[in-house]
Amino acid sequence: MAFIKLASSNPMEQNETGIKIIQVSETAFSDQPGCEWAKFESDRRGWLYAHGYRWCNADGDWIGDGHIPAEIEIVPVYDTPTRMHVRIPWKGDIAQIKGKPVENEPSYEHKFPILLARYFMRKCR
């Protein structure tokens, strides 16, 4: 089992990641060159890596240098005022991880961008 995880537990770095996620959201579907959406869409794996996300195993250790492999499909989903996505975990992940203890999440320091950065890339783990 592998997943994408924030590499840093530093709240200041997570806050910066959250701010970039907000910028992606605010420019979603924009065709304006150089906007955060355009950067994200042109290289999703590179954008994620540049903003602190790493490819990890079930123990949270980086796999290789932490870059997301090309064979992993990155599919952005978009909520709207009347659409909310429900994530259905892959049964193989559940089988591998259901016996592992769940760690307590550190404080969000009451900062929304940190919360956003931590939950932007989620997979059943």
C-alpha atoms as a PDB file:
ATOM      1  CA  MET A   1       0.000   0.000   0.000  1.00  0.00           C
ATOM      2  CA  ALA A   2       1.243   3.451  -0.864  1.00  0.00           C
ATOM      3  CA  PHE A   3      -0.232   6.914  -0.582  1.00  0.00           C
ATOM      4  CA  ILE A   4       0.581  10.611  -0.849  1.00  0.00           C
ATOM      5  CA  LYS A   5       1.372  12.323   2.431  1.00  0.00           C
ATOM      6  CA  LEU A   6       2.582  15.715   3.609  1.00  0.00           C
ATOM      7  CA  ALA A   7       6.318  15.422   4.201  1.00  0.00           C
ATOM      8  CA  SER A   8       6.586  18.060   6.900  1.00  0.00           C
ATOM      9  CA  SER A   9       4.931  18.262  10.276  1.00  0.00           C
ATOM     10  CA  ASN A  10       5.933  21.929  10.477  1.00  0.00           C
ATOM     11  CA  PRO A  11       2.729  24.022  10.705  1.00  0.00           C
ATOM     12  CA  MET A  12       4.338  26.971   8.873  1.00  0.00           C
ATOM     13  CA  GLU A  13       5.166  24.768   5.875  1.00  0.00           C
ATOM     14  CA  GLN A  14       1.707  23.166   5.968  1.00  0.00           C
ATOM     15  CA  ASN A  15       0.164  26.642   6.068  1.00  0.00           C
ATOM     16  CA  GLU A  16       2.064  27.588   2.893  1.00  0.00           C
ATOM     17  CA  THR A  17       0.794  24.407   1.211  1.00  0.00           C
ATOM     18  CA  GLY A  18      -2.761  25.266   2.256  1.00  0.00           C
ATOM     19  CA  ILE A  19      -2.413  28.737   0.769  1.00  0.00           C
ATOM     20  CA  LYS A  20      -1.332  27.209  -2.573  1.00  0.00           C
ATOM     21  CA  ILE A  21      -4.343  24.863  -2.470  1.00  0.00           C
ATOM     22  CA  ILE A  22      -6.600  27.869  -1.950  1.00  0.00           C
ATOM     23  CA  GLN A  23      -4.954  29.517  -4.973  1.00  0.00           C
ATOM     24  CA  VAL A  24      -5.630  26.405  -7.081  1.00  0.00           C
ATOM     25  CA  SER A  25      -9.265  26.506  -5.979  1.00  0.00           C
ATOM     26  CA  GLU A  26      -9.646  30.209  -6.689  1.00  0.00           C
ATOM     27  CA  THR A  27      -8.241  29.814 -10.214  1.00  0.00           C
ATOM     28  CA  ALA A  28      -9.805  26.423 -11.068  1.00  0.00           C
ATOM     29  CA  PHE A  29     -10.528  26.076 -14.783  1.00  0.00           C
ATOM     30  CA  SER A  30      -8.816  29.394 -15.553  1.00  0.00           C
ATOM     31  CA  ASP A  31      -6.958  29.530 -18.849  1.00  0.00           C
ATOM     32  CA  GLN A  32      -4.789  32.400 -17.626  1.00  0.00           C
ATOM     33  CA  PRO A  33      -1.104  31.450 -18.043  1.00  0.00           C
ATOM     34  CA  GLY A  34       0.874  31.266 -14.819  1.00  0.00           C
ATOM     35  CA  CYS A  35      -2.119  30.976 -12.498  1.00  0.00           C
ATOM     36  CA  GLU A  36      -1.911  28.281  -9.842  1.00  0.00           C
ATOM     37  CA  TRP A  37      -4.508  26.155 -11.642  1.00  0.00           C
ATOM     38  CA  ALA A  38      -2.407  26.173 -14.813  1.00  0.00           C
ATOM     39  CA  LYS A  39       0.678  25.135 -12.815  1.00  0.00           C
ATOM     40  CA  PHE A  40      -1.271  22.310 -11.158  1.00  0.00           C
ATOM     41  CA  GLU A  41      -2.826  21.071 -14.389  1.00  0.00           C
ATOM     42  CA  SER A  42       0.434  21.148 -16.368  1.00  0.00           C
ATOM     43  CA  ASP A  43       2.211  18.815 -13.903  1.00  0.00           C
ATOM     44  CA  ARG A  44       0.062  17.475 -11.063  1.00  0.00           C
ATOM     45  CA  ARG A  45       2.792  15.198  -9.671  1.00  0.00           C
ATOM     46  CA  GLY A  46       5.390  17.970  -9.802  1.00  0.00           C
ATOM     47  CA  TRP A  47       3.011  20.468  -8.204  1.00  0.00           C
ATOM     48  CA  LEU A  48       2.240  18.070  -5.358  1.00  0.00           C
ATOM     49  CA  TYR A  49       5.936  17.326  -4.804  1.00  0.00           C
ATOM     50  CA  ALA A  50       6.879  21.026  -4.925  1.00  0.00           C
ATOM     51  CA  HIS A  51       4.270  21.762  -2.272  1.00  0.00           C
ATOM     52  CA  GLY A  52       5.407  19.162   0.211  1.00  0.00           C
ATOM     53  CA  TYR A  53       3.591  15.955  -0.697  1.00  0.00           C
ATOM     54  CA  ARG A  54       5.521  12.671  -0.890  1.00  0.00           C
ATOM     55  CA  TRP A  55       4.816   9.124  -2.093  1.00  0.00           C
ATOM     56  CA  CYS A  56       4.963   6.977   1.066  1.00  0.00           C
ATOM     57  CA  ASN A  57       4.410   3.433   2.255  1.00  0.00           C
ATOM     58  CA  ALA A  58       1.903   2.424   4.939  1.00  0.00           C
ATOM     59  CA  ASP A  59       4.395   3.369   7.666  1.00  0.00           C
ATOM     60  CA  GLY A  60       4.726   6.893   6.279  1.00  0.00           C
ATOM     61  CA  ASP A  61       8.256   6.356   4.937  1.00  0.00           C
ATOM     62  CA  TRP A  62       9.075   7.821   1.541  1.00  0.00           C
ATOM     63  CA  ILE A  63       9.200   5.416  -1.349  1.00  0.00           C
ATOM     64  CA  GLY A  64      12.340   6.270  -3.315  1.00  0.00           C
ATOM     65  CA  ASP A  65      12.779  10.030  -3.422  1.00  0.00           C
ATOM     66  CA  GLY A  66       9.095  10.621  -2.682  1.00  0.00           C
ATOM     67  CA  HIS A  67       8.027  11.465  -6.236  1.00  0.00           C
ATOM     68  CA  ILE A  68       4.658  10.038  -7.280  1.00  0.00           C
ATOM     69  CA  PRO A  69       5.194   7.342  -9.935  1.00  0.00           C
ATOM     70  CA  ALA A  70       3.952   8.012 -13.461  1.00  0.00           C
ATOM     71  CA  GLU A  71       1.663   4.966 -13.368  1.00  0.00           C
ATOM     72  CA  ILE A  72      -0.376   6.483 -10.509  1.00  0.00           C
ATOM     73  CA  GLU A  73      -3.366   8.327 -11.908  1.00  0.00           C
ATOM     74  CA  ILE A  74      -3.975  11.660 -10.183  1.00  0.00           C
ATOM     75  CA  VAL A  75      -7.663  12.559 -10.567  1.00  0.00           C
ATOM     76  CA  PRO A  76      -8.760  15.932  -9.227  1.00  0.00           C
ATOM     77  CA  VAL A  77     -12.381  16.086  -8.126  1.00  0.00           C
ATOM     78  CA  TYR A  78     -14.290  19.310  -7.764  1.00  0.00           C
ATOM     79  CA  ASP A  79     -16.985  20.135  -5.280  1.00  0.00           C
ATOM     80  CA  THR A  80     -19.627  22.701  -6.153  1.00  0.00           C
ATOM     81  CA  PRO A  81     -22.344  24.317  -4.055  1.00  0.00           C
ATOM     82  CA  THR A  82     -24.585  21.331  -4.846  1.00  0.00           C
ATOM     83  CA  ARG A  83     -22.016  18.517  -5.323  1.00  0.00           C
ATOM     84  CA  MET A  84     -19.949  16.836  -2.637  1.00  0.00           C
ATOM     85  CA  HIS A  85     -17.720  13.870  -3.377  1.00  0.00           C
ATOM     86  CA  VAL A  86     -17.693  10.762  -1.225  1.00  0.00           C
ATOM     87  CA  ARG A  87     -14.457   8.810  -1.255  1.00  0.00           C
ATOM     88  CA  ILE A  88     -14.835   5.026  -1.416  1.00  0.00           C
ATOM     89  CA  PRO A  89     -11.544   3.400  -0.363  1.00  0.00           C
ATOM     90  CA  TRP A  90     -10.004   0.621  -2.398  1.00  0.00           C
ATOM     91  CA  LYS A  91     -10.635  -2.735  -0.665  1.00  0.00           C
ATOM     92  CA  GLY A  92      -6.946  -3.675  -0.952  1.00  0.00           C
ATOM     93  CA  ASP A  93      -5.954  -0.673   1.171  1.00  0.00           C
ATOM     94  CA  ILE A  94      -8.505  -1.568   3.817  1.00  0.00           C
ATOM     95  CA  ALA A  95      -7.258  -5.162   3.972  1.00  0.00           C
ATOM     96  CA  GLN A  96      -3.649  -4.003   4.422  1.00  0.00           C
ATOM     97  CA  ILE A  97      -4.199  -1.224   6.903  1.00  0.00           C
ATOM     98  CA  LYS A  98      -7.171  -2.155   9.110  1.00  0.00           C
ATOM     99  CA  GLY A  99      -4.935  -3.614  11.844  1.00  0.00           C
ATOM    100  CA  LYS A 100      -2.647  -0.568  12.134  1.00  0.00           C
ATOM    101  CA  PRO A 101      -3.173   1.862  15.020  1.00  0.00           C
ATOM    102  CA  VAL A 102      -4.502   5.312  14.163  1.00  0.00           C
ATOM    103  CA  GLU A 103      -2.238   8.154  15.243  1.00  0.00           C
ATOM    104  CA  ASN A 104      -3.556  11.315  16.851  1.00  0.00           C
ATOM    105  CA  GLU A 105      -3.483  14.305  14.518  1.00  0.00           C
ATOM    106  CA  PRO A 106      -1.406  17.261  15.723  1.00  0.00           C
ATOM    107  CA  SER A 107      -3.108  20.565  16.402  1.00  0.00           C
ATOM    108  CA  TYR A 108      -4.246  22.654  13.469  1.00  0.00           C
ATOM    109  CA  GLU A 109      -3.331  25.776  15.433  1.00  0.00           C
ATOM    110  CA  HIS A 110      -6.748  27.107  14.399  1.00  0.00           C
ATOM    111  CA  LYS A 111      -5.465  27.804  10.868  1.00  0.00           C
ATOM    112  CA  PHE A 112      -7.655  26.720   7.980  1.00  0.00           C
ATOM    113  CA  PRO A 113      -4.795  26.393   5.446  1.00  0.00           C
ATOM    114  CA  ILE A 114      -3.118  23.784   7.690  1.00  0.00           C
ATOM    115  CA  LEU A 115      -6.345  21.778   7.882  1.00  0.00           C
ATOM    116  CA  LEU A 116      -6.692  22.040   4.108  1.00  0.00           C
ATOM    117  CA  ALA A 117      -3.089  20.921   3.477  1.00  0.00           C
ATOM    118  CA  ARG A 118      -3.522  17.855   5.707  1.00  0.00           C
ATOM    119  CA  TYR A 119      -6.735  16.716   4.082  1.00  0.00           C
ATOM    120  CA  PHE A 120      -6.059  17.660   0.451  1.00  0.00           C
ATOM    121  CA  MET A 121      -4.498  14.270  -0.323  1.00  0.00           C
ATOM    122  CA  ARG A 122      -6.387  11.565   1.561  1.00  0.00           C
ATOM    123  CA  LYS A 123      -6.412   7.849   1.154  1.00  0.00           C
ATOM    124  CA  CYS A 124      -7.687   5.244   3.559  1.00  0.00           C
ATOM    125  CA  ARG A 125      -4.717   4.446   5.757  1.00  0.00           C
END
